[in-house]
Amino acid sequence: MTLDQVVHAIASALQPLTSQITGLQIYAYFNGNPTPPSIDVYPGEPFQQGAGYGIPSKRVWFTVRARVATTDQEAASQLLLRLLDPADLASVEAALAVNQLATVDNTNGSVSGFRRYADDNGTDMIGCEWRVGVWT
């Protein structure tokens, strides 16, 4: 599977969340100009981890990032909490687990809390992110 196919597979695995969150936009690439609520998927940092089986056998890491508008602070927080809650039908982690293509890294720092992003073009948004690993 190519990396382009991987990001599309991750985005496809997240599509069921659109039935839980009205207006949710899911984009298979980095989205510098989102219409919130929005989830984008892009290579994480660091991106590749060798597996010891040669060049094509690697674990690659993607960032799945959710962002919401803060015009209503309480609603924004509630929406992000739904995406973060593994018991909620809108859970990013649960949606990825059903697909079994990508797994959320379970080490410290693999799932963020709320944060602001510098690439939001001045839009007032907050978000959170998941570090997702895939074997090539």
Protein backbone atom coordinates (compact mmCIF):
# COMPACT_ATOMS: atom_id res chain seq x y z
CA MET A 1 0.00 0.00 0.00
CA THR A 2 1.40 3.40 -0.94
CA LEU A 3 1.47 6.25 1.57
CA ASP A 4 -1.20 8.05 -0.44
CA GLN A 5 -3.42 4.98 -0.16
CA VAL A 6 -2.73 4.83 3.59
CA VAL A 7 -3.92 8.41 4.24
CA HIS A 8 -7.04 7.75 2.20
CA ALA A 9 -7.68 4.53 4.13
CA ILE A 10 -7.33 6.41 7.43
CA ALA A 11 -9.72 9.12 6.21
CA SER A 12 -12.18 6.43 5.03
CA ALA A 13 -12.05 4.74 8.44
CA LEU A 14 -13.05 8.08 10.00
CA GLN A 15 -16.01 8.67 7.63
CA PRO A 16 -18.57 7.04 10.01
CA LEU A 17 -17.92 9.95 12.41
CA THR A 18 -19.73 12.23 9.94
CA SER A 19 -23.01 10.54 10.93
CA GLN A 20 -22.32 11.46 14.58
CA ILE A 21 -21.11 15.06 14.14
CA THR A 22 -23.07 17.38 11.89
CA GLY A 23 -20.95 19.12 9.26
CA LEU A 24 -17.74 17.22 10.07
CA GLN A 25 -15.22 17.58 7.26
CA ILE A 26 -12.62 14.79 6.90
CA TYR A 27 -9.63 15.52 4.68
CA ALA A 28 -6.99 12.93 3.77
CA TYR A 29 -4.21 15.53 3.66
CA PHE A 30 -2.92 18.53 5.60
CA ASN A 31 -5.66 21.15 5.54
CA GLY A 32 -4.41 24.68 6.13
CA ASN A 33 -7.81 26.25 5.61
CA PRO A 34 -10.40 24.02 7.31
CA THR A 35 -14.09 24.61 7.69
CA PRO A 36 -14.68 23.46 11.27
CA PRO A 37 -15.45 20.95 12.53
CA SER A 38 -12.65 19.36 10.59
CA ILE A 39 -10.27 16.39 10.74
CA ASP A 40 -7.13 16.23 8.61
CA VAL A 41 -4.47 13.52 8.26
CA TYR A 42 -0.80 14.15 7.51
CA PRO A 43 2.68 12.69 8.20
CA GLY A 44 3.65 13.01 11.85
CA GLU A 45 6.96 13.95 13.41
CA PRO A 46 9.01 11.80 13.41
CA PHE A 47 7.49 10.04 10.43
CA GLN A 48 9.37 6.77 9.83
CA GLN A 49 10.55 4.07 12.20
CA GLY A 50 12.67 1.26 10.79
CA ALA A 51 11.46 -2.31 11.25
CA GLY A 52 14.76 -4.07 10.47
CA TYR A 53 13.49 -5.72 7.29
CA GLY A 54 14.86 -3.31 4.69
CA ILE A 55 13.72 -0.08 3.08
CA PRO A 56 10.09 -0.97 2.30
CA SER A 57 9.35 -2.37 5.79
CA LYS A 58 8.74 0.55 8.09
CA ARG A 59 6.30 1.80 10.60
CA VAL A 60 5.07 5.22 9.58
CA TRP A 61 3.31 7.72 11.81
CA PHE A 62 0.51 10.04 10.86
CA THR A 63 -1.14 12.83 12.77
CA VAL A 64 -4.93 12.81 12.83
CA ARG A 65 -5.93 16.32 13.89
CA ALA A 66 -9.40 17.56 14.80
CA ARG A 67 -10.23 21.27 14.96
CA VAL A 68 -13.41 23.07 15.99
CA ALA A 69 -14.53 26.70 16.04
CA THR A 70 -14.59 28.42 19.41
CA THR A 71 -17.49 30.80 18.80
CA ASP A 72 -19.27 28.69 21.44
CA GLN A 73 -16.56 27.60 23.89
CA GLU A 74 -18.71 25.00 25.63
CA ALA A 75 -19.92 23.37 22.41
CA ALA A 76 -16.35 23.33 21.05
CA SER A 77 -15.07 21.58 24.17
CA GLN A 78 -17.94 19.09 24.16
CA LEU A 79 -17.34 18.19 20.52
CA LEU A 80 -13.61 17.60 21.07
CA LEU A 81 -14.36 15.53 24.17
CA ARG A 82 -16.64 13.32 22.07
CA LEU A 83 -13.83 12.75 19.56
CA LEU A 84 -11.40 11.95 22.39
CA ASP A 85 -13.75 9.65 24.34
CA PRO A 86 -13.12 5.99 23.38
CA ALA A 87 -16.63 5.11 24.65
CA ASP A 88 -18.40 7.65 22.41
CA LEU A 89 -19.78 6.77 18.95
CA ALA A 90 -17.78 9.77 17.65
CA SER A 91 -14.46 8.38 18.96
CA VAL A 92 -11.53 8.78 16.56
CA GLU A 93 -9.63 5.97 18.26
CA ALA A 94 -12.59 3.57 18.11
CA ALA A 95 -13.21 4.34 14.41
CA LEU A 96 -9.59 3.53 13.59
CA ALA A 97 -9.67 0.33 15.69
CA VAL A 98 -12.65 -1.01 13.73
CA ASN A 99 -10.66 -0.68 10.50
CA GLN A 100 -7.51 -2.27 12.01
CA LEU A 101 -5.29 -0.51 9.44
CA ALA A 102 -3.94 2.11 11.82
CA THR A 103 -3.54 2.08 15.58
CA VAL A 104 -3.30 4.96 17.99
CA ASP A 105 0.06 4.88 19.74
CA ASN A 106 -0.49 4.15 23.42
CA THR A 107 2.61 5.90 24.78
CA ASN A 108 2.70 9.24 26.57
CA GLY A 109 1.91 12.12 24.28
CA SER A 110 0.23 10.06 21.57
CA VAL A 111 -3.17 11.66 22.18
CA SER A 112 -3.07 15.38 22.86
CA GLY A 113 -5.26 17.55 24.97
CA PHE A 114 -6.81 20.75 23.62
CA ARG A 115 -4.45 23.11 21.79
CA ARG A 116 -4.37 26.01 19.39
CA TYR A 117 -2.64 25.75 16.03
CA ALA A 118 -0.51 28.41 14.31
CA ASP A 119 -1.63 27.34 10.83
CA ASP A 120 -5.30 28.23 11.32
CA ASN A 121 -5.00 31.49 9.32
CA GLY A 122 -6.21 33.65 12.19
CA THR A 123 -9.39 31.63 12.67
CA ASP A 124 -10.35 31.07 16.29
CA MET A 125 -10.13 27.27 16.60
CA ILE A 126 -8.95 24.69 19.10
CA GLY A 127 -8.21 21.06 18.46
CA CYS A 128 -6.55 17.84 19.50
CA GLU A 129 -4.56 15.15 17.75
CA TRP A 130 -3.76 11.47 17.70
CA ARG A 131 -0.45 9.81 16.74
CA VAL A 132 -1.39 6.91 14.46
CA GLY A 133 0.97 4.14 13.36
CA VAL A 134 0.78 2.02 10.20
CA TRP A 135 3.12 -0.76 9.02
CA THR A 136 4.13 -0.54 5.35
